[in-house]
N, C-alpha and C. Protein backbone atom coordinates (compact mmCIF):
# COMPACT_ATOMS: atom_id res chain seq x y z
N MET A 1 49.08 44.34 35.52
CA MET A 1 48.83 42.88 34.84
C MET A 1 48.37 42.03 35.80
N LYS A 2 47.40 41.10 35.38
CA LYS A 2 46.88 40.17 36.29
C LYS A 2 47.10 38.82 35.74
N ASP A 3 47.28 37.69 36.64
CA ASP A 3 47.40 36.42 36.11
C ASP A 3 46.14 35.89 35.78
N SER A 4 46.09 34.67 35.48
CA SER A 4 44.79 33.88 34.99
C SER A 4 43.83 33.84 36.03
N SER A 5 44.13 34.02 37.29
CA SER A 5 43.02 33.92 38.23
C SER A 5 42.56 35.28 38.68
N GLY A 6 43.15 36.32 38.12
CA GLY A 6 42.57 37.77 38.42
C GLY A 6 43.43 38.45 39.43
N GLU A 7 44.45 37.79 39.99
CA GLU A 7 45.32 38.29 40.83
C GLU A 7 46.22 39.45 40.03
N ILE A 8 46.54 40.37 40.92
CA ILE A 8 47.40 41.54 40.29
C ILE A 8 48.67 41.04 40.53
N LEU A 9 49.65 40.86 39.34
CA LEU A 9 50.88 40.62 39.55
C LEU A 9 51.81 41.94 39.86
N ILE A 10 52.56 41.82 40.88
CA ILE A 10 53.52 42.60 41.36
C ILE A 10 55.01 42.14 41.33
N ASP A 11 55.80 42.70 40.45
CA ASP A 11 56.97 42.07 40.44
C ASP A 11 58.14 42.88 41.23
N ARG A 12 59.33 42.71 41.15
CA ARG A 12 60.31 43.27 42.14
C ARG A 12 60.43 44.80 41.68
N THR A 13 60.40 45.17 40.40
CA THR A 13 60.31 46.57 40.15
C THR A 13 59.19 47.29 40.66
N ASP A 14 57.98 46.69 40.61
CA ASP A 14 56.73 47.34 41.05
C ASP A 14 56.99 47.42 42.67
N ARG A 15 57.51 46.42 43.49
CA ARG A 15 57.77 46.49 44.70
C ARG A 15 58.69 47.64 45.19
N LYS A 16 59.61 47.84 44.27
CA LYS A 16 60.57 49.17 44.67
C LYS A 16 59.99 50.39 44.45
N ILE A 17 59.05 50.54 43.28
CA ILE A 17 58.40 51.70 43.27
C ILE A 17 57.43 52.00 44.34
N LEU A 18 56.81 51.05 44.83
CA LEU A 18 55.91 51.00 45.92
C LEU A 18 56.58 51.38 47.18
N LYS A 19 57.89 50.80 47.43
CA LYS A 19 58.58 51.14 48.54
C LYS A 19 59.02 52.71 48.44
N PHE A 20 59.46 52.83 47.47
CA PHE A 20 59.91 54.44 47.33
C PHE A 20 58.89 55.51 47.51
N LEU A 21 57.72 55.20 46.86
CA LEU A 21 56.61 56.03 46.98
C LEU A 21 55.99 56.24 48.37
N GLN A 22 55.99 55.09 49.04
CA GLN A 22 55.59 55.02 50.45
C GLN A 22 56.42 55.97 51.39
N SER A 23 57.68 55.87 51.05
CA SER A 23 58.55 56.79 52.14
C SER A 23 58.69 58.12 51.48
N GLU A 24 58.61 58.36 50.09
CA GLU A 24 58.90 59.77 49.60
C GLU A 24 57.79 59.92 48.51
N GLY A 25 56.60 60.21 48.83
CA GLY A 25 55.60 60.27 47.74
C GLY A 25 55.85 61.59 46.76
N ARG A 26 56.65 62.48 47.11
CA ARG A 26 56.79 63.57 46.37
C ARG A 26 58.13 63.30 45.19
N LEU A 27 58.49 62.28 45.21
CA LEU A 27 59.41 61.93 44.25
C LEU A 27 59.05 62.29 42.82
N SER A 28 59.80 62.89 41.85
CA SER A 28 59.49 63.10 40.62
C SER A 28 59.53 61.73 39.83
N ASN A 29 58.86 61.65 38.67
CA ASN A 29 59.04 60.40 38.01
C ASN A 29 60.30 60.09 37.51
N ALA A 30 61.14 61.03 37.25
CA ALA A 30 62.53 60.97 36.88
C ALA A 30 63.42 60.40 37.87
N GLU A 31 63.13 60.98 39.25
CA GLU A 31 63.94 60.65 40.55
C GLU A 31 63.58 58.96 40.68
N LEU A 32 62.17 58.86 40.72
CA LEU A 32 61.63 57.46 41.11
C LEU A 32 62.38 56.54 40.10
N ALA A 33 62.52 56.80 38.69
CA ALA A 33 63.05 56.06 37.79
C ALA A 33 64.34 55.66 37.99
N GLU A 34 65.14 56.65 38.35
CA GLU A 34 66.47 56.46 38.67
C GLU A 34 66.77 55.54 39.84
N ARG A 35 66.14 55.82 40.87
CA ARG A 35 66.18 54.99 42.16
C ARG A 35 65.75 53.49 41.84
N VAL A 36 64.86 53.21 40.98
CA VAL A 36 64.39 51.81 40.55
C VAL A 36 65.13 51.20 39.44
N ASN A 37 65.96 52.08 38.94
CA ASN A 37 66.89 51.72 37.80
C ASN A 37 66.06 51.24 36.66
N VAL A 38 65.19 52.05 36.12
CA VAL A 38 64.15 51.77 34.81
C VAL A 38 64.27 53.11 34.12
N SER A 39 63.79 53.27 33.00
CA SER A 39 63.49 54.35 32.14
C SER A 39 62.56 55.29 32.72
N ALA A 40 62.38 56.40 32.48
CA ALA A 40 61.35 57.40 32.93
C ALA A 40 59.98 56.86 32.31
N ALA A 41 60.05 56.47 31.18
CA ALA A 41 58.91 55.96 30.44
C ALA A 41 58.29 54.72 31.16
N THR A 42 59.27 53.75 31.27
CA THR A 42 58.80 52.47 32.09
C THR A 42 58.37 52.84 33.57
N CYS A 43 58.98 53.68 34.14
CA CYS A 43 58.40 54.06 35.50
C CYS A 43 57.17 54.62 35.46
N HIS A 44 56.94 55.55 34.53
CA HIS A 44 55.61 56.36 34.53
C HIS A 44 54.54 55.23 34.13
N ARG A 45 54.70 54.34 33.23
CA ARG A 45 53.81 53.33 32.74
C ARG A 45 53.49 52.40 33.98
N ARG A 46 54.40 51.89 34.66
CA ARG A 46 54.24 51.06 35.89
C ARG A 46 53.54 51.70 36.92
N THR A 47 54.08 52.87 37.32
CA THR A 47 53.34 53.70 38.26
C THR A 47 51.75 54.05 37.93
N GLN A 48 51.53 54.19 36.75
CA GLN A 48 50.15 54.52 36.33
C GLN A 48 49.38 53.19 36.45
N ARG A 49 50.06 52.05 36.11
CA ARG A 49 49.31 50.79 36.12
C ARG A 49 49.09 50.67 37.47
N LEU A 50 49.79 50.66 38.61
CA LEU A 50 49.60 50.58 39.92
C LEU A 50 48.44 51.40 40.57
N PHE A 51 48.33 52.57 39.96
CA PHE A 51 47.15 53.40 40.20
C PHE A 51 45.87 52.79 39.77
N ASP A 52 45.97 52.58 38.28
CA ASP A 52 44.73 52.08 37.64
C ASP A 52 44.13 50.71 38.24
N GLU A 53 45.18 49.81 38.56
CA GLU A 53 44.77 48.77 39.12
C GLU A 53 44.34 48.74 40.67
N GLY A 54 44.34 49.87 41.29
CA GLY A 54 44.07 50.07 42.68
C GLY A 54 45.21 49.75 43.72
N VAL A 55 46.21 49.34 43.30
CA VAL A 55 47.36 49.06 44.16
C VAL A 55 47.75 50.16 44.96
N ILE A 56 47.91 51.31 44.36
CA ILE A 56 48.27 52.72 44.86
C ILE A 56 46.82 53.37 44.89
N SER A 57 46.21 53.73 46.05
CA SER A 57 44.85 54.35 46.10
C SER A 57 45.06 55.87 46.07
N SER A 58 46.27 56.51 46.57
CA SER A 58 46.49 57.87 46.75
C SER A 58 47.92 58.03 47.15
N VAL A 59 48.28 59.25 46.91
CA VAL A 59 49.67 59.76 47.52
C VAL A 59 49.31 61.11 48.33
N ARG A 60 49.70 61.15 49.46
CA ARG A 60 49.19 62.33 50.30
C ARG A 60 50.26 62.62 51.43
N ALA A 61 50.23 63.94 51.83
CA ALA A 61 51.20 64.47 52.52
C ALA A 61 50.89 63.92 54.07
N MET A 62 52.02 63.70 54.88
CA MET A 62 51.97 63.12 56.32
C MET A 62 51.99 64.59 57.00
N VAL A 63 50.88 64.96 57.65
CA VAL A 63 50.95 66.14 58.50
C VAL A 63 51.42 65.99 59.83
N ASN A 64 52.42 66.73 60.54
CA ASN A 64 52.86 66.36 61.80
C ASN A 64 51.82 66.94 62.77
N PRO A 65 51.10 66.14 63.44
CA PRO A 65 50.08 66.56 64.37
C PRO A 65 50.45 67.55 65.22
N ASP A 66 51.82 67.58 65.83
CA ASP A 66 52.07 68.60 66.77
C ASP A 66 52.15 70.07 66.21
N GLN A 67 52.29 70.18 64.96
CA GLN A 67 52.43 71.52 64.15
C GLN A 67 50.96 71.96 63.90
N VAL A 68 49.99 71.31 63.97
CA VAL A 68 48.61 71.79 63.73
C VAL A 68 47.79 71.61 64.84
N ASP A 69 48.31 71.53 66.07
CA ASP A 69 47.49 71.53 67.32
C ASP A 69 46.54 70.20 67.36
N ARG A 70 47.18 69.20 67.04
CA ARG A 70 46.38 67.92 67.32
C ARG A 70 47.32 66.86 67.83
N ALA A 71 48.16 67.26 68.90
CA ALA A 71 49.10 66.44 69.44
C ALA A 71 48.52 65.16 70.19
N ALA A 72 47.35 65.20 70.63
CA ALA A 72 46.86 64.20 71.49
C ALA A 72 46.21 63.00 70.64
N LEU A 73 46.52 61.71 70.79
CA LEU A 73 46.22 60.66 69.99
C LEU A 73 45.31 59.77 70.97
N VAL A 74 44.11 59.50 70.62
CA VAL A 74 43.12 58.72 71.46
C VAL A 74 42.62 57.61 70.68
N ILE A 75 42.66 56.45 71.20
CA ILE A 75 41.99 55.21 70.70
C ILE A 75 40.77 55.01 71.59
N VAL A 76 39.71 54.81 70.91
CA VAL A 76 38.29 54.66 71.56
C VAL A 76 37.50 53.34 71.08
N GLY A 77 37.40 52.49 72.13
CA GLY A 77 36.80 51.15 71.86
C GLY A 77 35.20 51.49 72.06
N VAL A 78 34.49 50.86 71.01
CA VAL A 78 33.16 51.16 70.91
C VAL A 78 32.28 49.86 71.05
N VAL A 79 31.30 49.73 71.83
CA VAL A 79 30.48 48.61 71.95
C VAL A 79 29.12 49.17 71.43
N LEU A 80 28.31 48.53 70.41
CA LEU A 80 27.09 48.91 70.11
C LEU A 80 25.93 48.08 70.90
N ASP A 81 24.78 48.59 70.78
CA ASP A 81 23.76 47.84 71.56
C ASP A 81 23.25 46.73 70.84
N ARG A 82 23.47 46.79 69.68
CA ARG A 82 23.00 45.36 68.82
C ARG A 82 24.05 45.11 67.75
N SER A 83 24.25 43.70 67.49
CA SER A 83 25.22 43.41 66.56
C SER A 83 24.34 42.94 65.25
N THR A 84 23.91 43.88 64.67
CA THR A 84 23.16 43.51 63.34
C THR A 84 23.73 44.33 62.24
N PRO A 85 23.58 43.73 61.10
CA PRO A 85 24.09 44.64 59.79
C PRO A 85 23.57 46.10 59.68
N GLN A 86 22.42 46.25 60.08
CA GLN A 86 21.84 47.49 60.13
C GLN A 86 22.53 48.31 61.10
N SER A 87 22.58 48.09 62.21
CA SER A 87 23.21 48.85 63.27
C SER A 87 24.77 49.11 63.00
N PHE A 88 25.34 48.08 62.37
CA PHE A 88 26.73 48.42 61.92
C PHE A 88 26.89 49.59 60.75
N ALA A 89 25.88 49.31 59.79
CA ALA A 89 25.88 50.23 58.65
C ALA A 89 25.56 51.62 59.24
N GLU A 90 24.59 51.74 60.10
CA GLU A 90 24.29 53.05 60.77
C GLU A 90 25.37 53.81 61.28
N PHE A 91 26.04 53.03 62.24
CA PHE A 91 27.25 53.44 63.01
C PHE A 91 28.32 53.93 62.03
N GLU A 92 28.65 53.00 61.10
CA GLU A 92 29.85 53.38 59.94
C GLU A 92 29.39 54.56 59.18
N ASP A 93 28.12 54.62 58.78
CA ASP A 93 27.72 55.93 57.97
C ASP A 93 27.92 57.28 58.96
N ALA A 94 27.61 57.25 60.05
CA ALA A 94 27.69 58.30 60.99
C ALA A 94 29.20 58.63 61.23
N VAL A 95 30.09 57.48 61.48
CA VAL A 95 31.45 57.80 61.68
C VAL A 95 32.07 58.53 60.51
N ARG A 96 31.80 58.01 59.44
CA ARG A 96 32.36 58.49 58.16
C ARG A 96 32.28 60.17 58.05
N LYS A 97 31.22 60.62 58.78
CA LYS A 97 30.90 62.00 58.76
C LYS A 97 31.81 62.87 59.68
N LEU A 98 32.58 62.24 60.64
CA LEU A 98 33.20 62.90 61.65
C LEU A 98 34.68 63.15 61.24
N SER A 99 34.94 64.37 60.95
CA SER A 99 36.27 64.60 60.29
C SER A 99 37.37 64.41 61.42
N PHE A 100 37.14 64.26 62.71
CA PHE A 100 38.15 64.07 63.76
C PHE A 100 38.64 62.57 63.85
N VAL A 101 37.71 61.71 63.22
CA VAL A 101 38.08 60.28 63.34
C VAL A 101 39.02 59.82 62.11
N LEU A 102 40.16 59.47 62.48
CA LEU A 102 41.24 59.18 61.46
C LEU A 102 40.89 57.81 60.89
N ASP A 103 40.65 56.78 61.72
CA ASP A 103 40.44 55.49 61.32
C ASP A 103 39.34 54.85 62.27
N CYS A 104 38.60 53.88 61.58
CA CYS A 104 37.45 53.31 62.36
C CYS A 104 37.59 51.79 61.81
N HIS A 105 37.66 50.87 62.67
CA HIS A 105 37.89 49.45 62.48
C HIS A 105 36.86 48.56 63.12
N LEU A 106 36.17 47.76 62.37
CA LEU A 106 35.27 46.65 63.01
C LEU A 106 36.20 45.64 63.43
N VAL A 107 36.00 45.14 64.66
CA VAL A 107 36.93 44.31 65.17
C VAL A 107 36.25 43.09 65.88
N ALA A 108 36.80 41.97 66.09
CA ALA A 108 36.45 40.82 66.94
C ALA A 108 36.85 41.06 68.26
N GLY A 109 36.02 40.63 69.17
CA GLY A 109 36.51 40.57 70.59
C GLY A 109 35.40 41.41 71.56
N ASP A 110 36.08 41.98 72.54
CA ASP A 110 35.26 42.79 73.39
C ASP A 110 34.60 43.96 72.85
N PHE A 111 35.21 44.55 71.87
CA PHE A 111 34.61 45.65 71.32
C PHE A 111 34.20 45.41 69.90
N ASP A 112 33.29 46.29 69.48
CA ASP A 112 32.71 46.10 68.04
C ASP A 112 33.69 47.03 67.02
N TYR A 113 33.98 48.26 67.57
CA TYR A 113 34.80 49.06 66.80
C TYR A 113 36.09 49.81 67.58
N PHE A 114 37.04 50.13 66.87
CA PHE A 114 38.39 50.84 67.47
C PHE A 114 38.19 52.11 66.71
N LEU A 115 38.27 53.36 67.09
CA LEU A 115 38.39 54.59 66.52
C LEU A 115 39.75 55.24 66.76
N LYS A 116 40.44 55.63 65.91
CA LYS A 116 41.54 56.35 66.11
C LYS A 116 41.36 57.89 65.82
N ILE A 117 41.53 58.73 66.90
CA ILE A 117 41.15 60.13 66.99
C ILE A 117 42.28 61.09 67.30
N ARG A 118 42.42 62.15 66.63
CA ARG A 118 43.41 63.04 66.86
C ARG A 118 42.71 64.30 67.49
N VAL A 119 43.07 64.96 68.62
CA VAL A 119 42.52 66.00 69.37
C VAL A 119 43.69 67.02 69.89
N LYS A 120 43.31 68.28 70.13
CA LYS A 120 44.25 69.09 70.69
C LYS A 120 44.78 68.65 72.22
N ASP A 121 43.78 68.33 73.08
CA ASP A 121 44.07 67.77 74.35
C ASP A 121 43.00 67.22 74.89
N MET A 122 43.09 66.87 76.28
CA MET A 122 41.98 66.12 76.82
C MET A 122 40.76 66.76 76.94
N ALA A 123 40.72 68.08 77.18
CA ALA A 123 39.50 68.99 77.41
C ALA A 123 38.86 68.86 75.74
N ASP A 124 39.52 68.92 74.64
CA ASP A 124 39.18 68.88 73.36
C ASP A 124 38.42 67.58 73.22
N PHE A 125 39.03 66.41 73.66
CA PHE A 125 38.35 65.12 73.43
C PHE A 125 37.14 64.98 74.49
N ASN A 126 37.17 65.53 75.65
CA ASN A 126 36.06 65.41 76.39
C ASN A 126 34.84 66.04 75.81
N ARG A 127 34.94 67.19 75.12
CA ARG A 127 33.96 67.96 74.44
C ARG A 127 33.57 67.04 73.30
N LEU A 128 34.33 66.60 72.48
CA LEU A 128 33.81 65.75 71.28
C LEU A 128 33.02 64.43 71.83
N HIS A 129 33.63 63.75 72.83
CA HIS A 129 33.09 62.63 73.35
C HIS A 129 31.70 62.97 73.84
N GLY A 130 31.50 64.13 74.61
CA GLY A 130 30.14 64.27 75.07
C GLY A 130 29.19 64.91 73.88
N GLU A 131 29.69 65.49 73.02
CA GLU A 131 28.73 66.06 71.93
C GLU A 131 28.72 65.17 70.68
N LYS A 132 29.55 64.40 70.37
CA LYS A 132 29.64 63.47 69.11
C LYS A 132 29.56 61.95 69.24
N LEU A 133 30.46 61.60 70.11
CA LEU A 133 30.83 60.24 70.16
C LEU A 133 29.64 59.30 70.84
N ILE A 134 29.30 59.68 72.06
CA ILE A 134 28.07 58.99 72.63
C ILE A 134 26.69 59.23 71.90
N ALA A 135 26.65 60.22 71.02
CA ALA A 135 25.53 60.36 70.34
C ALA A 135 25.40 59.50 68.96
N LEU A 136 26.45 58.76 68.63
CA LEU A 136 26.72 57.97 67.58
C LEU A 136 25.31 56.84 67.68
N PRO A 137 24.86 56.76 66.43
CA PRO A 137 23.90 55.53 66.57
C PRO A 137 24.15 54.23 67.13
N GLY A 138 23.41 53.74 68.00
CA GLY A 138 23.70 52.39 68.54
C GLY A 138 24.81 52.27 69.65
N VAL A 139 25.41 53.33 69.94
CA VAL A 139 26.56 53.14 70.96
C VAL A 139 25.93 52.85 72.31
N ARG A 140 26.58 51.89 73.09
CA ARG A 140 26.08 51.43 74.26
C ARG A 140 27.30 51.86 75.17
N GLN A 141 28.51 51.69 74.80
CA GLN A 141 29.62 51.85 75.71
C GLN A 141 30.75 52.32 74.80
N THR A 142 31.50 53.16 75.63
CA THR A 142 33.00 53.61 74.86
C THR A 142 33.95 53.43 76.03
N ARG A 143 35.10 52.98 75.55
CA ARG A 143 36.28 52.89 76.46
C ARG A 143 37.46 53.72 75.75
N THR A 144 38.00 54.62 76.58
CA THR A 144 38.98 55.65 76.02
C THR A 144 40.31 55.18 76.44
N PHE A 145 41.35 55.27 75.44
CA PHE A 145 42.75 54.99 75.76
C PHE A 145 43.63 56.13 75.16
N PHE A 146 44.16 57.01 76.22
CA PHE A 146 44.96 58.01 75.76
C PHE A 146 46.38 57.63 75.27
N VAL A 147 46.90 57.80 74.27
CA VAL A 147 48.30 57.26 73.86
C VAL A 147 49.31 58.10 74.37
N MET A 148 50.17 57.44 75.29
CA MET A 148 51.21 58.04 76.03
C MET A 148 52.54 58.15 75.22
N LYS A 149 52.77 57.26 74.30
CA LYS A 149 53.97 57.49 73.49
C LYS A 149 53.47 56.56 72.06
N GLU A 150 54.00 57.26 70.85
CA GLU A 150 53.51 56.75 69.55
C GLU A 150 54.81 56.08 69.27
N VAL A 151 54.82 54.63 69.27
CA VAL A 151 56.13 54.02 68.92
C VAL A 151 56.24 53.87 67.50
N THR A 152 55.17 53.62 66.69
CA THR A 152 55.08 53.65 65.36
C THR A 152 53.84 54.04 64.89
N ASP A 153 53.63 54.77 63.65
CA ASP A 153 52.24 55.15 63.32
C ASP A 153 52.42 55.17 61.77
N ASN A 154 51.49 54.82 61.11
CA ASN A 154 51.36 54.92 59.63
C ASN A 154 52.52 54.29 58.83
N ALA A 155 53.07 53.15 59.51
CA ALA A 155 54.23 52.53 58.95
C ALA A 155 53.89 52.13 57.52
N PRO A 156 55.03 52.15 56.71
CA PRO A 156 54.77 51.56 55.38
C PRO A 156 54.39 50.08 55.24
N LEU A 157 53.77 49.74 54.22
CA LEU A 157 53.75 48.12 54.09
C LEU A 157 54.93 47.63 53.55
N SER A 158 55.37 46.48 54.08
CA SER A 158 56.54 45.87 53.53
C SER A 158 56.10 44.78 52.68
N PHE A 159 57.01 44.44 51.76
CA PHE A 159 56.82 43.49 50.68
C PHE A 159 57.98 42.38 50.53
């Protein structure tokens, strides 16, 4: 439901649904309804509305990187040689095609982009860096940060 200005209205029940789905996306509708304290039909209707309105974009599994040989987390700062809409678009289109890049963010400051990458180890990153990252369109400089400890990652949004 939207208000008169077009803003999506999220009430307390919707917030509870979002909270539980972020922490346990595999809950059945019946389990979710019980936790939110609404009927199964109401819960289904509200959850479907949250999907339809784009509040929930997807529900997916969180894979343990250690268990799939991707234990090393690397953050890469990227500086492009030009700051034009075309150079940004070319870089972004190329990055979207790289399956090892988990996140790509255009940022303000000393870098143009930050990339979040998961790899097997430093040698794996070194190979990807030499073959893929520095070959991205417009890349002038990269600066690599190997994460020593993940304090929090993919934390749920709070409301």
